[in-house]
N, C-alpha and C. Protein backbone atom coordinates (compact mmCIF):
# COMPACT_ATOMS: atom_id res chain seq x y z
N MET A 1 34.98 -95.78 -22.64
CA MET A 1 34.47 -96.70 -21.86
C MET A 1 33.39 -96.20 -21.05
N GLN A 2 33.31 -95.06 -20.52
CA GLN A 2 32.32 -94.53 -19.65
C GLN A 2 31.09 -94.37 -20.37
N SER A 3 31.19 -94.12 -21.75
CA SER A 3 29.89 -94.02 -22.57
C SER A 3 29.17 -95.36 -22.74
N PHE A 4 30.15 -96.32 -22.84
CA PHE A 4 29.55 -97.71 -22.93
C PHE A 4 28.73 -98.11 -21.70
N ARG A 5 29.29 -97.85 -20.56
CA ARG A 5 28.59 -98.14 -19.25
C ARG A 5 27.30 -97.52 -19.14
N ARG A 6 27.38 -96.24 -19.57
CA ARG A 6 26.26 -95.30 -19.33
C ARG A 6 24.99 -95.86 -20.20
N ARG A 7 25.32 -96.25 -21.36
CA ARG A 7 24.34 -96.85 -22.41
C ARG A 7 23.98 -98.36 -22.23
N LEU A 8 24.66 -99.02 -21.31
CA LEU A 8 24.43 -100.36 -21.07
C LEU A 8 22.74 -100.62 -20.46
N ILE A 9 22.68 -99.91 -19.45
CA ILE A 9 21.49 -100.17 -18.80
C ILE A 9 20.36 -99.78 -19.66
N PRO A 10 20.34 -98.66 -20.20
CA PRO A 10 19.11 -98.21 -21.26
C PRO A 10 18.95 -99.24 -22.30
N GLY A 11 20.07 -99.92 -22.89
CA GLY A 11 20.06 -100.81 -23.76
C GLY A 11 19.40 -102.17 -23.34
N ILE A 12 19.70 -102.62 -22.21
CA ILE A 12 18.99 -103.86 -21.67
C ILE A 12 17.69 -103.63 -21.33
N ALA A 13 17.27 -102.31 -20.65
CA ALA A 13 15.89 -102.02 -20.43
C ALA A 13 15.19 -101.92 -21.61
N GLY A 14 15.62 -101.26 -22.58
CA GLY A 14 14.90 -101.23 -23.76
C GLY A 14 14.70 -102.50 -24.46
N SER A 15 15.66 -103.40 -24.58
CA SER A 15 15.46 -104.67 -25.05
C SER A 15 14.37 -105.57 -24.17
N LEU A 16 14.66 -105.62 -22.99
CA LEU A 16 13.55 -106.29 -22.12
C LEU A 16 12.11 -105.81 -22.27
N LEU A 17 12.07 -104.38 -22.21
CA LEU A 17 10.75 -103.86 -22.53
C LEU A 17 10.13 -104.15 -23.78
N LEU A 18 11.03 -104.10 -24.80
CA LEU A 18 10.45 -104.45 -26.09
C LEU A 18 9.99 -105.81 -26.35
N LEU A 19 10.72 -106.75 -25.75
CA LEU A 19 10.45 -108.28 -25.74
C LEU A 19 9.24 -108.41 -25.03
N GLY A 20 9.04 -107.96 -23.93
CA GLY A 20 8.00 -108.21 -22.98
C GLY A 20 6.69 -107.57 -23.68
N THR A 21 6.86 -106.13 -24.26
CA THR A 21 5.51 -105.75 -24.96
C THR A 21 5.08 -106.53 -26.01
N LEU A 22 6.09 -106.99 -26.81
CA LEU A 22 5.82 -107.88 -28.19
C LEU A 22 5.19 -109.20 -27.55
N ILE A 23 5.56 -109.75 -26.61
CA ILE A 23 5.06 -111.06 -26.13
C ILE A 23 3.75 -110.72 -25.62
N GLU A 24 3.30 -109.75 -24.76
CA GLU A 24 2.09 -109.36 -24.24
C GLU A 24 1.01 -109.01 -25.30
N ALA A 25 1.61 -108.20 -26.27
CA ALA A 25 0.66 -107.83 -27.30
C ALA A 25 0.29 -109.08 -28.23
N TYR A 26 1.06 -110.07 -28.39
CA TYR A 26 0.74 -111.24 -29.07
C TYR A 26 -0.24 -112.03 -28.27
N PHE A 27 0.04 -112.29 -26.99
CA PHE A 27 -0.97 -113.20 -26.23
C PHE A 27 -2.31 -112.40 -26.09
N GLN A 28 -2.26 -111.08 -25.81
CA GLN A 28 -3.59 -110.37 -25.78
C GLN A 28 -4.54 -110.36 -27.01
N SER A 29 -3.81 -110.32 -28.08
CA SER A 29 -4.49 -110.26 -29.46
C SER A 29 -5.05 -111.74 -29.60
N PHE A 30 -4.22 -112.73 -29.43
CA PHE A 30 -4.69 -114.04 -29.56
C PHE A 30 -5.75 -114.33 -28.68
N GLY A 31 -5.69 -114.14 -27.30
CA GLY A 31 -6.63 -114.33 -26.31
C GLY A 31 -8.11 -113.53 -26.79
N PHE A 32 -7.93 -112.27 -27.12
CA PHE A 32 -9.16 -111.49 -27.74
C PHE A 32 -9.83 -112.05 -28.73
N TYR A 33 -8.96 -112.78 -29.59
CA TYR A 33 -9.57 -113.48 -30.86
C TYR A 33 -10.28 -114.68 -30.41
N ARG A 34 -9.63 -115.43 -29.49
CA ARG A 34 -10.23 -116.67 -29.04
C ARG A 34 -11.59 -116.50 -28.26
N GLU A 35 -11.48 -115.32 -27.34
CA GLU A 35 -12.54 -115.10 -26.62
C GLU A 35 -13.90 -114.49 -27.44
N HIS A 36 -13.64 -113.72 -28.30
CA HIS A 36 -14.79 -113.10 -29.11
C HIS A 36 -14.96 -113.60 -30.49
N TYR A 37 -14.34 -114.48 -30.81
CA TYR A 37 -14.60 -115.05 -32.09
C TYR A 37 -14.91 -116.63 -31.99
N VAL A 38 -13.72 -117.32 -31.47
CA VAL A 38 -13.81 -118.76 -31.54
C VAL A 38 -14.81 -119.26 -30.52
N TRP A 39 -14.83 -118.86 -29.24
CA TRP A 39 -15.56 -119.53 -28.37
C TRP A 39 -17.21 -119.22 -28.64
N PRO A 40 -17.62 -117.82 -29.06
CA PRO A 40 -19.04 -117.83 -29.47
C PRO A 40 -19.43 -118.68 -30.62
N MET A 41 -18.70 -118.65 -31.47
CA MET A 41 -19.02 -119.50 -32.73
C MET A 41 -19.10 -121.14 -32.22
N GLN A 42 -18.31 -121.56 -31.39
CA GLN A 42 -18.45 -122.91 -30.93
C GLN A 42 -19.60 -123.04 -30.02
N LYS A 43 -19.79 -122.16 -29.23
CA LYS A 43 -20.86 -122.25 -28.16
C LYS A 43 -22.33 -121.92 -28.54
N TYR A 44 -22.34 -120.92 -29.51
CA TYR A 44 -23.69 -120.44 -29.87
C TYR A 44 -23.98 -120.56 -31.32
N GLY A 45 -22.92 -120.52 -32.22
CA GLY A 45 -23.09 -120.65 -33.64
C GLY A 45 -23.05 -119.48 -34.21
N VAL A 46 -23.06 -118.34 -33.55
CA VAL A 46 -23.00 -117.03 -34.03
C VAL A 46 -22.06 -116.20 -33.34
N LEU A 47 -21.79 -114.95 -33.91
CA LEU A 47 -20.81 -114.07 -33.22
C LEU A 47 -21.65 -113.18 -32.37
N THR A 48 -21.07 -112.87 -31.14
CA THR A 48 -21.75 -111.95 -30.33
C THR A 48 -21.03 -110.55 -30.61
N PRO A 49 -21.73 -109.45 -30.65
CA PRO A 49 -21.23 -108.25 -30.66
C PRO A 49 -20.36 -107.68 -29.53
N LEU A 50 -19.32 -106.91 -29.81
CA LEU A 50 -18.68 -106.33 -28.86
C LEU A 50 -19.38 -105.36 -27.95
N ARG A 51 -19.24 -105.44 -26.56
CA ARG A 51 -19.71 -104.48 -25.69
C ARG A 51 -18.76 -103.35 -25.71
N TRP A 52 -19.39 -102.13 -24.98
CA TRP A 52 -18.48 -100.86 -25.05
C TRP A 52 -17.27 -101.14 -24.09
N GLN A 53 -17.43 -101.99 -23.01
CA GLN A 53 -16.33 -102.35 -22.31
C GLN A 53 -15.06 -102.98 -23.17
N ASP A 54 -15.58 -103.95 -24.02
CA ASP A 54 -14.50 -104.49 -24.70
C ASP A 54 -13.65 -103.65 -25.63
N VAL A 55 -14.60 -102.54 -26.31
CA VAL A 55 -13.92 -101.64 -27.02
C VAL A 55 -12.99 -100.73 -26.36
N ALA A 56 -13.39 -100.25 -25.12
CA ALA A 56 -12.79 -99.35 -24.29
C ALA A 56 -11.35 -100.05 -23.82
N PHE A 57 -11.46 -101.40 -23.58
CA PHE A 57 -10.29 -102.10 -23.04
C PHE A 57 -9.31 -102.06 -24.34
N LEU A 58 -9.89 -102.51 -25.43
CA LEU A 58 -8.83 -102.49 -26.76
C LEU A 58 -8.17 -101.20 -26.83
N VAL A 59 -8.98 -100.30 -26.84
CA VAL A 59 -8.37 -98.98 -26.98
C VAL A 59 -7.32 -98.51 -25.75
N ALA A 60 -7.66 -98.85 -24.63
CA ALA A 60 -6.81 -98.49 -23.54
C ALA A 60 -5.57 -99.33 -23.69
N PHE A 61 -5.67 -100.71 -24.04
CA PHE A 61 -4.57 -101.58 -24.08
C PHE A 61 -3.54 -101.08 -25.13
N TRP A 62 -4.00 -100.84 -26.43
CA TRP A 62 -3.17 -100.57 -27.53
C TRP A 62 -2.58 -99.16 -27.15
N LEU A 63 -3.13 -98.21 -26.55
CA LEU A 63 -2.48 -96.99 -26.26
C LEU A 63 -1.36 -97.15 -25.26
N VAL A 64 -1.58 -98.03 -24.27
CA VAL A 64 -0.44 -98.28 -23.29
C VAL A 64 0.63 -99.15 -24.07
N ALA A 65 0.18 -100.15 -25.11
CA ALA A 65 1.31 -100.90 -25.63
C ALA A 65 2.03 -100.02 -26.68
N ILE A 66 1.36 -98.98 -27.45
CA ILE A 66 2.04 -98.20 -28.34
C ILE A 66 3.14 -97.32 -27.37
N GLY A 67 2.70 -96.77 -26.32
CA GLY A 67 3.50 -95.93 -25.53
C GLY A 67 4.81 -96.68 -24.98
N LEU A 68 4.61 -98.08 -24.78
CA LEU A 68 5.66 -98.88 -24.29
C LEU A 68 6.74 -99.10 -25.44
N PHE A 69 6.15 -99.51 -26.65
CA PHE A 69 6.75 -99.76 -27.79
C PHE A 69 7.81 -98.28 -28.11
N TYR A 70 7.24 -97.27 -27.96
CA TYR A 70 7.88 -95.92 -28.21
C TYR A 70 8.85 -95.83 -27.14
N LEU A 71 8.70 -96.07 -25.91
CA LEU A 71 9.68 -95.97 -24.83
C LEU A 71 10.79 -96.90 -25.15
N SER A 72 10.46 -98.15 -25.62
CA SER A 72 11.61 -98.99 -25.81
C SER A 72 12.49 -98.67 -27.05
N TYR A 73 11.78 -98.09 -28.00
CA TYR A 73 12.44 -97.46 -29.23
C TYR A 73 13.45 -96.34 -28.90
N ARG A 74 13.00 -95.53 -27.99
CA ARG A 74 13.88 -94.34 -27.58
C ARG A 74 14.90 -94.94 -26.73
N LEU A 75 14.67 -95.85 -25.82
CA LEU A 75 15.89 -96.28 -25.06
C LEU A 75 17.04 -97.10 -25.98
N LEU A 76 16.48 -97.83 -26.98
CA LEU A 76 17.45 -98.54 -27.79
C LEU A 76 18.13 -97.54 -28.76
N LYS A 77 17.37 -96.50 -29.16
CA LYS A 77 18.07 -95.64 -30.02
C LYS A 77 19.20 -94.77 -29.29
N TYR A 78 18.83 -94.53 -27.92
CA TYR A 78 19.93 -93.77 -27.20
C TYR A 78 21.06 -94.85 -27.05
N ALA A 79 20.76 -96.11 -26.65
CA ALA A 79 21.73 -97.01 -26.39
C ALA A 79 22.62 -97.29 -27.68
N LEU A 80 22.08 -97.32 -28.81
CA LEU A 80 22.82 -97.80 -30.02
C LEU A 80 23.40 -96.67 -30.96
N ARG A 81 23.20 -95.40 -30.43
CA ARG A 81 23.59 -94.35 -31.23
C ARG A 81 25.01 -94.26 -31.36
N ARG A 82 25.66 -93.71 -32.44
CA ARG A 82 27.07 -93.69 -32.67
C ARG A 82 27.49 -92.17 -32.20
N GLU A 83 28.64 -92.09 -31.69
CA GLU A 83 29.16 -90.87 -31.34
C GLU A 83 30.29 -90.21 -32.44
N PRO A 84 30.19 -88.96 -32.63
CA PRO A 84 31.18 -88.44 -33.59
C PRO A 84 32.54 -88.75 -33.24
N ALA A 85 33.26 -89.01 -34.36
CA ALA A 85 34.77 -89.28 -34.14
C ALA A 85 35.39 -88.04 -33.61
N VAL A 86 36.33 -88.20 -32.61
CA VAL A 86 36.93 -87.13 -31.85
C VAL A 86 38.31 -86.96 -32.53
N ILE A 87 38.50 -85.79 -33.17
CA ILE A 87 39.80 -85.39 -33.91
C ILE A 87 40.62 -84.77 -33.09
N ALA A 88 41.92 -85.26 -32.69
CA ALA A 88 42.67 -84.69 -31.71
C ALA A 88 43.57 -83.62 -32.39
């Protein structure tokens, strides 16, 4: 029972972190697509090239997002691991 309590908080934290990261990655990707593809096509009729700030933001965002995905994976792996059977 002690092991269950010790793993409950990392399991909840990992689940919330994974869910939040997935949602934020989806909205960020959709927003970037809308801002750099849909609006320029509607407004000017042509695509505008990405500036260096856009590329730097994308790289930084995805580095942080991948780090958060990995952290949530490790928390969930710790929370859901099986313990070896104890033979008395």
